[in-house]
Amino acid sequence: MENPFDARAKTWDEDPRRVQLAADLFAALAQQVPLRPGFSALDYGCGTGLLTLALAPRVRRVLAVDSSKGMLEVLAQKAKACGLHHVQTLCADFANGPAPSGAHDLVASAMALHHVAETETLLRNFFALLAPGGSLALADLDAEDGSFHGNRAGIPHFGFDRAQLARQLATCGFENIQFTTAARIEKHSRPYPVFLATARKPG
């Protein structure tokens, strides 16, 4: 079955709001999470790699994961053009299947969680993917009225309540859970705040 994002992949980066959002989220992430050259990072729901390619110069390795082959093909082309040979891609859906083995120092995900019906399954997989002491950086919309997406089909969450998400993260075993407003998306003549949640796996 074709992923609906495949057809949008080649023009995805043409929206300047997406490019700016990725830049804002990376700036917030870099402020909240100490990035080190030896880190292994995973970017889940990476799309065309706007966040992946911002992370890549700061870490040893990035595994870019998405369920859209089209998005990953665009990302692979961009990484090759930039000479970023330590960026690897994986087509997978961790919300509906097992996550690969391996311990990462950072798991990041931007604007993907609201597309996932079973968020706790995904959060538990994120926890399992992290090395002891590793960090999670999760960016998504604050709770909204459903107006952000013109077509609401296939969107199980209209953003997230921060307190409720914090409880979910704690239930999955995360600690040091913090939220900050990382960006605002102007759409439909109104601002939609985007949070960055950071948390740590004990160890």
N, C-alpha and C. Protein backbone atom coordinates (compact mmCIF):
# COMPACT_ATOMS: atom_id res chain seq x y z
N MET A 1 0.84 -1.20 0.00
CA MET A 1 0.00 0.00 0.00
C MET A 1 0.88 1.25 0.00
N GLU A 2 0.59 2.16 -0.92
CA GLU A 2 1.41 3.36 -1.04
C GLU A 2 1.18 4.31 0.12
N ASN A 3 2.27 4.84 0.62
CA ASN A 3 2.18 5.82 1.69
C ASN A 3 1.75 7.16 1.09
N PRO A 4 0.76 7.85 1.68
CA PRO A 4 0.29 9.12 1.10
C PRO A 4 1.36 10.20 1.06
N PHE A 5 2.40 10.06 1.89
CA PHE A 5 3.47 11.06 1.89
C PHE A 5 4.44 10.87 0.73
N ASP A 6 4.42 9.70 0.08
CA ASP A 6 5.35 9.45 -1.02
C ASP A 6 5.18 10.49 -2.14
N ALA A 7 3.92 10.78 -2.47
CA ALA A 7 3.65 11.69 -3.57
C ALA A 7 4.02 13.13 -3.25
N ARG A 8 4.18 13.44 -1.96
CA ARG A 8 4.48 14.81 -1.55
C ARG A 8 5.97 15.04 -1.31
N ALA A 9 6.73 13.97 -1.40
CA ALA A 9 8.13 14.04 -0.99
C ALA A 9 8.96 15.03 -1.81
N LYS A 10 8.81 15.01 -3.12
CA LYS A 10 9.69 15.82 -3.97
C LYS A 10 9.47 17.32 -3.80
N THR A 11 8.29 17.72 -3.36
CA THR A 11 8.00 19.15 -3.19
C THR A 11 7.90 19.55 -1.71
N TRP A 12 8.18 18.61 -0.82
CA TRP A 12 8.00 18.86 0.62
C TRP A 12 8.80 20.06 1.11
N ASP A 13 10.04 20.17 0.66
CA ASP A 13 10.92 21.24 1.15
C ASP A 13 10.63 22.60 0.52
N GLU A 14 9.68 22.66 -0.41
CA GLU A 14 9.38 23.92 -1.06
C GLU A 14 8.55 24.86 -0.19
N ASP A 15 7.98 24.34 0.89
CA ASP A 15 7.22 25.18 1.82
C ASP A 15 8.19 25.80 2.82
N PRO A 16 8.41 27.11 2.77
CA PRO A 16 9.38 27.73 3.68
C PRO A 16 9.02 27.59 5.15
N ARG A 17 7.73 27.38 5.45
CA ARG A 17 7.33 27.19 6.85
C ARG A 17 7.91 25.90 7.41
N ARG A 18 7.97 24.87 6.59
CA ARG A 18 8.54 23.60 7.06
C ARG A 18 10.03 23.74 7.31
N VAL A 19 10.71 24.44 6.42
CA VAL A 19 12.15 24.64 6.57
C VAL A 19 12.44 25.45 7.83
N GLN A 20 11.66 26.51 8.04
CA GLN A 20 11.86 27.35 9.22
C GLN A 20 11.52 26.59 10.50
N LEU A 21 10.46 25.79 10.45
CA LEU A 21 10.08 25.01 11.62
C LEU A 21 11.20 24.06 12.03
N ALA A 22 11.78 23.37 11.07
CA ALA A 22 12.88 22.45 11.37
C ALA A 22 14.06 23.18 11.99
N ALA A 23 14.36 24.37 11.47
CA ALA A 23 15.46 25.17 12.02
C ALA A 23 15.16 25.58 13.45
N ASP A 24 13.92 26.00 13.72
CA ASP A 24 13.53 26.42 15.07
C ASP A 24 13.58 25.24 16.03
N LEU A 25 13.11 24.08 15.58
CA LEU A 25 13.10 22.91 16.45
C LEU A 25 14.51 22.42 16.75
N PHE A 26 15.38 22.48 15.74
CA PHE A 26 16.77 22.07 16.00
C PHE A 26 17.44 23.03 16.98
N ALA A 27 17.18 24.32 16.84
CA ALA A 27 17.76 25.30 17.76
C ALA A 27 17.31 25.02 19.19
N ALA A 28 16.03 24.71 19.36
CA ALA A 28 15.52 24.40 20.70
C ALA A 28 16.11 23.11 21.22
N LEU A 29 16.21 22.11 20.35
CA LEU A 29 16.79 20.82 20.75
C LEU A 29 18.23 20.99 21.20
N ALA A 30 19.01 21.72 20.41
CA ALA A 30 20.43 21.90 20.73
C ALA A 30 20.62 22.68 22.03
N GLN A 31 19.64 23.49 22.38
CA GLN A 31 19.71 24.24 23.63
C GLN A 31 19.37 23.36 24.83
N GLN A 32 18.49 22.39 24.62
CA GLN A 32 18.02 21.56 25.71
C GLN A 32 18.81 20.26 25.90
N VAL A 33 19.39 19.76 24.80
CA VAL A 33 20.10 18.48 24.84
C VAL A 33 21.56 18.71 24.45
N PRO A 34 22.51 18.35 25.29
CA PRO A 34 23.92 18.51 24.92
C PRO A 34 24.30 17.49 23.85
N LEU A 35 24.58 17.97 22.65
CA LEU A 35 24.96 17.09 21.55
C LEU A 35 26.47 16.88 21.56
N ARG A 36 26.88 15.63 21.41
CA ARG A 36 28.30 15.32 21.44
C ARG A 36 28.71 14.59 20.17
N PRO A 37 29.97 14.79 19.72
CA PRO A 37 30.43 14.19 18.46
C PRO A 37 30.35 12.67 18.42
N GLY A 38 30.37 12.03 19.59
CA GLY A 38 30.31 10.58 19.61
C GLY A 38 28.91 10.00 19.63
N PHE A 39 27.90 10.85 19.61
CA PHE A 39 26.52 10.39 19.75
C PHE A 39 26.05 9.57 18.55
N SER A 40 25.23 8.57 18.85
CA SER A 40 24.40 7.91 17.85
C SER A 40 22.99 8.45 18.04
N ALA A 41 22.42 9.02 16.99
CA ALA A 41 21.09 9.64 17.07
C ALA A 41 20.13 8.92 16.13
N LEU A 42 18.86 8.97 16.48
CA LEU A 42 17.80 8.43 15.63
C LEU A 42 16.74 9.50 15.47
N ASP A 43 16.36 9.75 14.23
CA ASP A 43 15.32 10.74 13.93
C ASP A 43 14.12 9.98 13.39
N TYR A 44 13.03 9.94 14.17
CA TYR A 44 11.86 9.16 13.79
C TYR A 44 10.81 10.05 13.13
N GLY A 45 10.27 9.56 12.00
CA GLY A 45 9.35 10.39 11.22
C GLY A 45 10.11 11.51 10.55
N CYS A 46 11.28 11.15 10.02
CA CYS A 46 12.26 12.15 9.56
C CYS A 46 11.85 12.89 8.31
N GLY A 47 10.90 12.35 7.54
CA GLY A 47 10.51 13.01 6.30
C GLY A 47 11.70 13.15 5.35
N THR A 48 11.86 14.33 4.81
CA THR A 48 12.96 14.58 3.87
C THR A 48 14.26 14.94 4.58
N GLY A 49 14.26 14.84 5.91
CA GLY A 49 15.51 15.00 6.64
C GLY A 49 15.89 16.40 7.03
N LEU A 50 14.92 17.29 7.15
CA LEU A 50 15.25 18.67 7.54
C LEU A 50 15.90 18.70 8.93
N LEU A 51 15.39 17.92 9.86
CA LEU A 51 16.01 17.83 11.18
C LEU A 51 17.23 16.91 11.16
N THR A 52 17.13 15.81 10.44
CA THR A 52 18.25 14.87 10.32
C THR A 52 19.53 15.56 9.88
N LEU A 53 19.43 16.37 8.83
CA LEU A 53 20.62 16.99 8.26
C LEU A 53 21.15 18.12 9.13
N ALA A 54 20.30 18.66 10.00
CA ALA A 54 20.79 19.63 10.99
C ALA A 54 21.55 18.91 12.10
N LEU A 55 21.08 17.73 12.48
CA LEU A 55 21.74 16.94 13.51
C LEU A 55 23.07 16.37 13.04
N ALA A 56 23.13 15.95 11.78
CA ALA A 56 24.24 15.15 11.28
C ALA A 56 25.64 15.73 11.55
N PRO A 57 25.88 17.03 11.35
CA PRO A 57 27.23 17.54 11.61
C PRO A 57 27.65 17.53 13.07
N ARG A 58 26.69 17.32 13.96
CA ARG A 58 26.96 17.41 15.40
C ARG A 58 27.16 16.04 16.07
N VAL A 59 26.90 14.95 15.33
CA VAL A 59 26.94 13.62 15.95
C VAL A 59 27.72 12.64 15.06
N ARG A 60 27.96 11.46 15.61
CA ARG A 60 28.73 10.44 14.89
C ARG A 60 27.90 9.74 13.82
N ARG A 61 26.61 9.54 14.12
CA ARG A 61 25.76 8.75 13.23
C ARG A 61 24.32 9.17 13.44
N VAL A 62 23.55 9.21 12.35
CA VAL A 62 22.11 9.43 12.45
C VAL A 62 21.39 8.34 11.66
N LEU A 63 20.48 7.66 12.34
CA LEU A 63 19.59 6.72 11.67
C LEU A 63 18.27 7.44 11.45
N ALA A 64 17.92 7.67 10.19
CA ALA A 64 16.72 8.41 9.83
C ALA A 64 15.61 7.42 9.48
N VAL A 65 14.52 7.46 10.22
CA VAL A 65 13.46 6.46 10.09
C VAL A 65 12.16 7.14 9.65
N ASP A 66 11.51 6.54 8.65
CA ASP A 66 10.21 7.04 8.21
C ASP A 66 9.46 5.89 7.55
N SER A 67 8.15 5.98 7.52
CA SER A 67 7.34 4.95 6.85
C SER A 67 7.14 5.24 5.37
N SER A 68 7.62 6.40 4.90
CA SER A 68 7.49 6.79 3.50
C SER A 68 8.79 6.58 2.74
N LYS A 69 8.78 5.66 1.80
CA LYS A 69 9.97 5.42 0.98
C LYS A 69 10.32 6.65 0.15
N GLY A 70 9.29 7.35 -0.31
CA GLY A 70 9.53 8.55 -1.10
C GLY A 70 10.28 9.61 -0.33
N MET A 71 9.89 9.83 0.91
CA MET A 71 10.58 10.80 1.75
C MET A 71 12.04 10.38 1.97
N LEU A 72 12.25 9.09 2.24
CA LEU A 72 13.61 8.61 2.51
C LEU A 72 14.50 8.70 1.27
N GLU A 73 13.92 8.53 0.10
CA GLU A 73 14.70 8.66 -1.14
C GLU A 73 15.20 10.09 -1.31
N VAL A 74 14.34 11.06 -1.01
CA VAL A 74 14.75 12.46 -1.09
C VAL A 74 15.85 12.74 -0.06
N LEU A 75 15.68 12.24 1.15
CA LEU A 75 16.68 12.43 2.19
C LEU A 75 18.01 11.82 1.79
N ALA A 76 17.99 10.61 1.24
CA ALA A 76 19.24 9.94 0.85
C ALA A 76 19.97 10.75 -0.21
N GLN A 77 19.23 11.32 -1.14
CA GLN A 77 19.85 12.15 -2.19
C GLN A 77 20.48 13.40 -1.59
N LYS A 78 19.80 14.01 -0.66
CA LYS A 78 20.32 15.22 -0.01
C LYS A 78 21.57 14.91 0.81
N ALA A 79 21.53 13.80 1.56
CA ALA A 79 22.69 13.43 2.37
C ALA A 79 23.90 13.13 1.49
N LYS A 80 23.67 12.44 0.38
CA LYS A 80 24.77 12.13 -0.54
C LYS A 80 25.36 13.40 -1.13
N ALA A 81 24.49 14.34 -1.51
CA ALA A 81 24.95 15.60 -2.09
C ALA A 81 25.78 16.40 -1.09
N CYS A 82 25.48 16.25 0.20
CA CYS A 82 26.21 16.97 1.25
C CYS A 82 27.42 16.19 1.75
N GLY A 83 27.64 14.99 1.22
CA GLY A 83 28.76 14.17 1.67
C GLY A 83 28.60 13.63 3.08
N LEU A 84 27.35 13.45 3.51
CA LEU A 84 27.08 12.97 4.87
C LEU A 84 26.90 11.45 4.83
N HIS A 85 28.01 10.74 4.85
CA HIS A 85 27.97 9.29 4.70
C HIS A 85 27.56 8.59 5.99
N HIS A 86 27.48 9.33 7.09
CA HIS A 86 27.09 8.71 8.36
C HIS A 86 25.59 8.84 8.64
N VAL A 87 24.84 9.25 7.61
CA VAL A 87 23.38 9.27 7.70
C VAL A 87 22.85 8.01 7.02
N GLN A 88 22.13 7.21 7.77
CA GLN A 88 21.53 5.99 7.24
C GLN A 88 20.01 6.11 7.31
N THR A 89 19.32 5.42 6.40
CA THR A 89 17.87 5.49 6.36
C THR A 89 17.27 4.11 6.62
N LEU A 90 16.07 4.12 7.19
CA LEU A 90 15.34 2.88 7.47
C LEU A 90 13.86 3.15 7.28
N CYS A 91 13.22 2.36 6.42
CA CYS A 91 11.77 2.48 6.23
C CYS A 91 11.09 1.56 7.24
N ALA A 92 10.41 2.16 8.20
CA ALA A 92 9.80 1.39 9.28
C ALA A 92 8.73 2.21 9.97
N ASP A 93 7.85 1.50 10.68
CA ASP A 93 6.80 2.12 11.48
C ASP A 93 6.88 1.50 12.88
N PHE A 94 7.49 2.21 13.80
CA PHE A 94 7.71 1.68 15.14
C PHE A 94 6.43 1.63 15.97
N ALA A 95 5.35 2.27 15.50
CA ALA A 95 4.09 2.23 16.24
C ALA A 95 3.33 0.94 15.96
N ASN A 96 3.66 0.26 14.87
CA ASN A 96 2.94 -0.95 14.47
C ASN A 96 3.87 -2.14 14.28
N GLY A 97 5.07 -2.03 14.78
CA GLY A 97 6.01 -3.13 14.64
C GLY A 97 7.18 -2.93 15.58
N PRO A 98 8.00 -3.96 15.73
CA PRO A 98 9.13 -3.85 16.66
C PRO A 98 10.19 -2.88 16.16
N ALA A 99 10.81 -2.19 17.09
CA ALA A 99 11.92 -1.30 16.76
C ALA A 99 13.19 -2.13 16.65
N PRO A 100 14.15 -1.71 15.84
CA PRO A 100 15.39 -2.46 15.70
C PRO A 100 16.22 -2.39 16.98
N SER A 101 17.06 -3.38 17.16
CA SER A 101 17.94 -3.35 18.33
C SER A 101 19.01 -2.29 18.14
N GLY A 102 19.57 -1.85 19.23
CA GLY A 102 20.60 -0.82 19.16
C GLY A 102 20.33 0.27 20.15
N ALA A 103 21.37 0.76 20.76
CA ALA A 103 21.22 1.78 21.80
C ALA A 103 21.69 3.12 21.27
N HIS A 104 20.80 4.10 21.30
CA HIS A 104 21.11 5.43 20.79
C HIS A 104 21.21 6.43 21.95
N ASP A 105 22.04 7.43 21.75
CA ASP A 105 22.20 8.47 22.76
C ASP A 105 21.09 9.51 22.68
N LEU A 106 20.47 9.61 21.51
CA LEU A 106 19.39 10.57 21.29
C LEU A 106 18.37 9.96 20.35
N VAL A 107 17.11 10.05 20.74
CA VAL A 107 15.99 9.76 19.84
C VAL A 107 15.21 11.06 19.70
N ALA A 108 15.08 11.53 18.47
CA ALA A 108 14.35 12.76 18.20
C ALA A 108 13.18 12.47 17.27
N SER A 109 12.13 13.24 17.40
CA SER A 109 10.99 13.11 16.51
C SER A 109 10.27 14.45 16.45
N ALA A 110 10.00 14.91 15.25
CA ALA A 110 9.38 16.22 15.06
C ALA A 110 8.11 16.11 14.23
N MET A 111 7.01 16.48 14.81
CA MET A 111 5.71 16.58 14.13
C MET A 111 5.24 15.23 13.56
N ALA A 112 5.62 14.15 14.23
CA ALA A 112 5.19 12.83 13.80
C ALA A 112 4.18 12.21 14.75
N LEU A 113 4.24 12.57 16.03
CA LEU A 113 3.45 11.88 17.04
C LEU A 113 1.96 12.03 16.81
N HIS A 114 1.51 13.17 16.29
CA HIS A 114 0.06 13.34 16.12
C HIS A 114 -0.50 12.47 15.00
N HIS A 115 0.39 11.84 14.22
CA HIS A 115 -0.05 10.90 13.19
C HIS A 115 -0.16 9.47 13.72
N VAL A 116 0.22 9.25 14.98
CA VAL A 116 0.31 7.90 15.55
C VAL A 116 -0.86 7.68 16.51
N ALA A 117 -1.67 6.67 16.22
CA ALA A 117 -2.83 6.41 17.07
C ALA A 117 -2.41 5.91 18.45
N GLU A 118 -1.54 4.92 18.48
CA GLU A 118 -1.11 4.33 19.75
C GLU A 118 0.20 4.98 20.20
N THR A 119 0.08 6.13 20.81
CA THR A 119 1.29 6.88 21.16
C THR A 119 2.12 6.16 22.22
N GLU A 120 1.46 5.49 23.16
CA GLU A 120 2.23 4.85 24.23
C GLU A 120 3.12 3.73 23.68
N THR A 121 2.64 3.00 22.68
CA THR A 121 3.47 1.96 22.06
C THR A 121 4.72 2.58 21.47
N LEU A 122 4.56 3.69 20.79
CA LEU A 122 5.71 4.36 20.18
C LEU A 122 6.66 4.88 21.25
N LEU A 123 6.12 5.47 22.31
CA LEU A 123 6.98 6.01 23.37
C LEU A 123 7.76 4.89 24.06
N ARG A 124 7.13 3.74 24.23
CA ARG A 124 7.85 2.61 24.84
C ARG A 124 8.96 2.12 23.92
N ASN A 125 8.71 2.14 22.62
CA ASN A 125 9.77 1.77 21.68
C ASN A 125 10.91 2.79 21.71
N PHE A 126 10.58 4.07 21.83
CA PHE A 126 11.63 5.09 21.97
C PHE A 126 12.48 4.82 23.21
N PHE A 127 11.82 4.47 24.31
CA PHE A 127 12.55 4.18 25.55
C PHE A 127 13.51 3.02 25.34
N ALA A 128 13.03 1.97 24.66
CA ALA A 128 13.86 0.79 24.41
C ALA A 128 15.04 1.09 23.48
N LEU A 129 14.86 2.04 22.60
CA LEU A 129 15.91 2.39 21.63
C LEU A 129 17.05 3.19 22.25
N LEU A 130 16.80 3.78 23.41
CA LEU A 130 17.80 4.65 24.03
C LEU A 130 18.78 3.87 24.89
N ALA A 131 20.03 4.29 24.86
CA ALA A 131 21.03 3.78 25.80
C ALA A 131 20.72 4.36 27.18
N PRO A 132 21.16 3.70 28.25
CA PRO A 132 21.00 4.28 29.58
C PRO A 132 21.59 5.69 29.63
N GLY A 133 20.80 6.62 30.14
CA GLY A 133 21.24 8.01 30.18
C GLY A 133 20.95 8.78 28.90
N GLY A 134 20.38 8.09 27.91
CA GLY A 134 20.08 8.74 26.63
C GLY A 134 18.90 9.69 26.72
N SER A 135 18.79 10.58 25.73
CA SER A 135 17.78 11.65 25.74
C SER A 135 16.73 11.47 24.64
N LEU A 136 15.52 11.84 24.97
CA LEU A 136 14.43 11.92 24.01
C LEU A 136 14.11 13.38 23.76
N ALA A 137 13.92 13.75 22.50
CA ALA A 137 13.49 15.10 22.13
C ALA A 137 12.30 14.96 21.19
N LEU A 138 11.15 15.38 21.67
CA LEU A 138 9.90 15.13 20.97
C LEU A 138 9.17 16.45 20.73
N ALA A 139 8.99 16.81 19.48
CA ALA A 139 8.32 18.07 19.14
C ALA A 139 6.99 17.80 18.44
N ASP A 140 5.96 18.51 18.87
CA ASP A 140 4.66 18.37 18.22
C ASP A 140 3.77 19.54 18.61
N LEU A 141 2.57 19.52 18.09
CA LEU A 141 1.61 20.59 18.33
C LEU A 141 1.04 20.53 19.74
N ASP A 142 0.85 21.68 20.34
CA ASP A 142 0.02 21.75 21.52
C ASP A 142 -1.41 21.41 21.13
N ALA A 143 -2.21 21.00 22.11
CA ALA A 143 -3.59 20.64 21.83
C ALA A 143 -4.30 21.77 21.09
N GLU A 144 -4.99 21.41 19.99
CA GLU A 144 -5.71 22.40 19.18
C GLU A 144 -7.07 21.84 18.81
N ASP A 145 -7.86 22.63 18.10
CA ASP A 145 -9.26 22.26 17.85
C ASP A 145 -9.47 21.44 16.58
N GLY A 146 -8.39 20.98 15.97
CA GLY A 146 -8.51 20.19 14.75
C GLY A 146 -8.42 21.01 13.48
N SER A 147 -8.29 22.32 13.63
CA SER A 147 -8.26 23.19 12.45
C SER A 147 -6.88 23.24 11.78
N PHE A 148 -5.85 22.72 12.45
CA PHE A 148 -4.51 22.80 11.86
C PHE A 148 -4.45 22.06 10.53
N HIS A 149 -5.04 20.88 10.48
CA HIS A 149 -5.07 20.10 9.24
C HIS A 149 -6.40 20.36 8.55
N GLY A 150 -6.32 20.82 7.31
CA GLY A 150 -7.54 21.05 6.55
C GLY A 150 -8.33 19.77 6.38
N ASN A 151 -7.62 18.67 6.08
CA ASN A 151 -8.23 17.36 5.97
C ASN A 151 -7.84 16.56 7.22
N ARG A 152 -8.82 16.27 8.07
CA ARG A 152 -8.53 15.62 9.34
C ARG A 152 -8.47 14.09 9.24
N ALA A 153 -8.75 13.56 8.06
CA ALA A 153 -8.73 12.10 7.89
C ALA A 153 -7.34 11.56 8.20
N GLY A 154 -7.31 10.52 9.00
CA GLY A 154 -6.03 9.89 9.31
C GLY A 154 -5.20 10.64 10.34
N ILE A 155 -5.79 11.64 11.00
CA ILE A 155 -5.08 12.39 12.04
C ILE A 155 -5.71 12.01 13.39
N PRO A 156 -5.11 11.10 14.15
CA PRO A 156 -5.74 10.64 15.39
C PRO A 156 -5.65 11.61 16.56
N HIS A 157 -4.73 12.58 16.49
CA HIS A 157 -4.56 13.51 17.60
C HIS A 157 -4.50 14.94 17.09
N PHE A 158 -5.30 15.80 17.67
CA PHE A 158 -5.24 17.23 17.36
C PHE A 158 -4.31 17.89 18.39
N GLY A 159 -3.03 17.60 18.26
CA GLY A 159 -2.05 18.09 19.22
C GLY A 159 -2.13 17.32 20.53
N PHE A 160 -1.40 17.82 21.52
CA PHE A 160 -1.29 17.10 22.79
C PHE A 160 -1.33 18.06 23.97
N ASP A 161 -1.98 17.62 25.03
CA ASP A 161 -1.93 18.32 26.30
C ASP A 161 -0.59 17.98 26.95
N ARG A 162 0.16 18.98 27.35
CA ARG A 162 1.52 18.74 27.86
C ARG A 162 1.51 17.89 29.13
N ALA A 163 0.60 18.17 30.04
CA ALA A 163 0.57 17.42 31.30
C ALA A 163 0.23 15.95 31.06
N GLN A 164 -0.69 15.70 30.14
CA GLN A 164 -1.07 14.33 29.84
C GLN A 164 0.08 13.58 29.17
N LEU A 165 0.77 14.24 28.25
CA LEU A 165 1.90 13.60 27.59
C LEU A 165 3.04 13.35 28.58
N ALA A 166 3.24 14.27 29.50
CA ALA A 166 4.27 14.08 30.53
C ALA A 166 3.96 12.85 31.37
N ARG A 167 2.70 12.63 31.68
CA ARG A 167 2.31 11.43 32.44
C ARG A 167 2.59 10.17 31.64
N GLN A 168 2.31 10.21 30.34
CA GLN A 168 2.60 9.06 29.48
C GLN A 168 4.10 8.76 29.46
N LEU A 169 4.90 9.79 29.33
CA LEU A 169 6.35 9.61 29.30
C LEU A 169 6.85 9.01 30.61
N ALA A 170 6.31 9.50 31.72
CA ALA A 170 6.72 8.97 33.02
C ALA A 170 6.31 7.51 33.17
N THR A 171 5.13 7.16 32.69
CA THR A 171 4.66 5.78 32.74
C THR A 171 5.58 4.86 31.96
N CYS A 172 6.16 5.37 30.87
CA CYS A 172 7.08 4.58 30.05
C CYS A 172 8.47 4.47 30.65
N GLY A 173 8.72 5.21 31.74
CA GLY A 173 10.00 5.11 32.41
C GLY A 173 10.91 6.31 32.29
N PHE A 174 10.49 7.33 31.56
CA PHE A 174 11.33 8.50 31.37
C PHE A 174 11.36 9.36 32.64
N GLU A 175 12.45 10.09 32.81
CA GLU A 175 12.59 11.03 33.91
C GLU A 175 13.10 12.36 33.37
N ASN A 176 13.20 13.36 34.25
CA ASN A 176 13.65 14.71 33.86
C ASN A 176 12.84 15.24 32.66
N ILE A 177 11.54 15.10 32.74
CA ILE A 177 10.65 15.49 31.64
C ILE A 177 10.42 17.01 31.69
N GLN A 178 10.73 17.68 30.59
CA GLN A 178 10.57 19.13 30.53
C GLN A 178 9.95 19.53 29.20
N PHE A 179 9.20 20.61 29.24
CA PHE A 179 8.57 21.14 28.03
C PHE A 179 8.99 22.59 27.83
N THR A 180 9.15 22.96 26.56
CA THR A 180 9.37 24.35 26.20
C THR A 180 8.63 24.61 24.90
N THR A 181 8.23 25.86 24.68
CA THR A 181 7.64 26.23 23.40
C THR A 181 8.77 26.51 22.42
N ALA A 182 8.89 25.67 21.41
CA ALA A 182 10.02 25.74 20.49
C ALA A 182 9.74 26.57 19.25
N ALA A 183 8.46 26.67 18.87
CA ALA A 183 8.12 27.38 17.62
C ALA A 183 6.63 27.68 17.60
N ARG A 184 6.25 28.51 16.65
CA ARG A 184 4.84 28.75 16.38
C ARG A 184 4.66 28.72 14.86
N ILE A 185 3.65 27.98 14.44
CA ILE A 185 3.35 27.88 13.01
C ILE A 185 2.17 28.80 12.71
N GLU A 186 2.37 29.73 11.79
CA GLU A 186 1.27 30.61 11.37
C GLU A 186 0.50 29.92 10.25
N LYS A 187 -0.77 29.65 10.51
CA LYS A 187 -1.59 28.94 9.55
C LYS A 187 -3.04 29.33 9.78
N HIS A 188 -3.79 29.51 8.69
CA HIS A 188 -5.21 29.90 8.81
C HIS A 188 -5.36 31.18 9.63
N SER A 189 -4.40 32.09 9.49
CA SER A 189 -4.42 33.39 10.16
C SER A 189 -4.39 33.28 11.68
N ARG A 190 -3.74 32.21 12.18
CA ARG A 190 -3.60 32.07 13.62
C ARG A 190 -2.32 31.30 13.94
N PRO A 191 -1.77 31.49 15.13
CA PRO A 191 -0.56 30.77 15.49
C PRO A 191 -0.89 29.44 16.18
N TYR A 192 -0.13 28.42 15.83
CA TYR A 192 -0.23 27.12 16.48
C TYR A 192 1.10 26.85 17.18
N PRO A 193 1.12 26.85 18.52
CA PRO A 193 2.37 26.60 19.24
C PRO A 193 2.85 25.16 19.05
N VAL A 194 4.15 25.01 18.98
CA VAL A 194 4.79 23.70 18.88
C VAL A 194 5.72 23.55 20.09
N PHE A 195 5.51 22.49 20.86
CA PHE A 195 6.35 22.26 22.04
C PHE A 195 7.53 21.36 21.70
N LEU A 196 8.56 21.45 22.50
CA LEU A 196 9.63 20.47 22.52
C LEU A 196 9.63 19.84 23.91
N ALA A 197 9.37 18.53 23.95
CA ALA A 197 9.46 17.78 25.20
C ALA A 197 10.79 17.05 25.22
N THR A 198 11.53 17.22 26.28
CA THR A 198 12.77 16.47 26.44
C THR A 198 12.66 15.60 27.69
N ALA A 199 13.29 14.45 27.63
CA ALA A 199 13.25 13.51 28.75
C ALA A 199 14.49 12.63 28.67
N ARG A 200 14.72 11.91 29.73
CA ARG A 200 15.94 11.11 29.83
C ARG A 200 15.62 9.70 30.29
N LYS A 201 16.34 8.74 29.73
CA LYS A 201 16.24 7.36 30.20
C LYS A 201 17.20 7.19 31.37
N PRO A 202 16.74 6.69 32.51
CA PRO A 202 17.64 6.54 33.65
C PRO A 202 18.87 5.69 33.31
N GLY A 203 19.96 6.00 33.97
CA GLY A 203 21.17 5.20 33.76
C GLY A 203 22.42 6.04 33.80
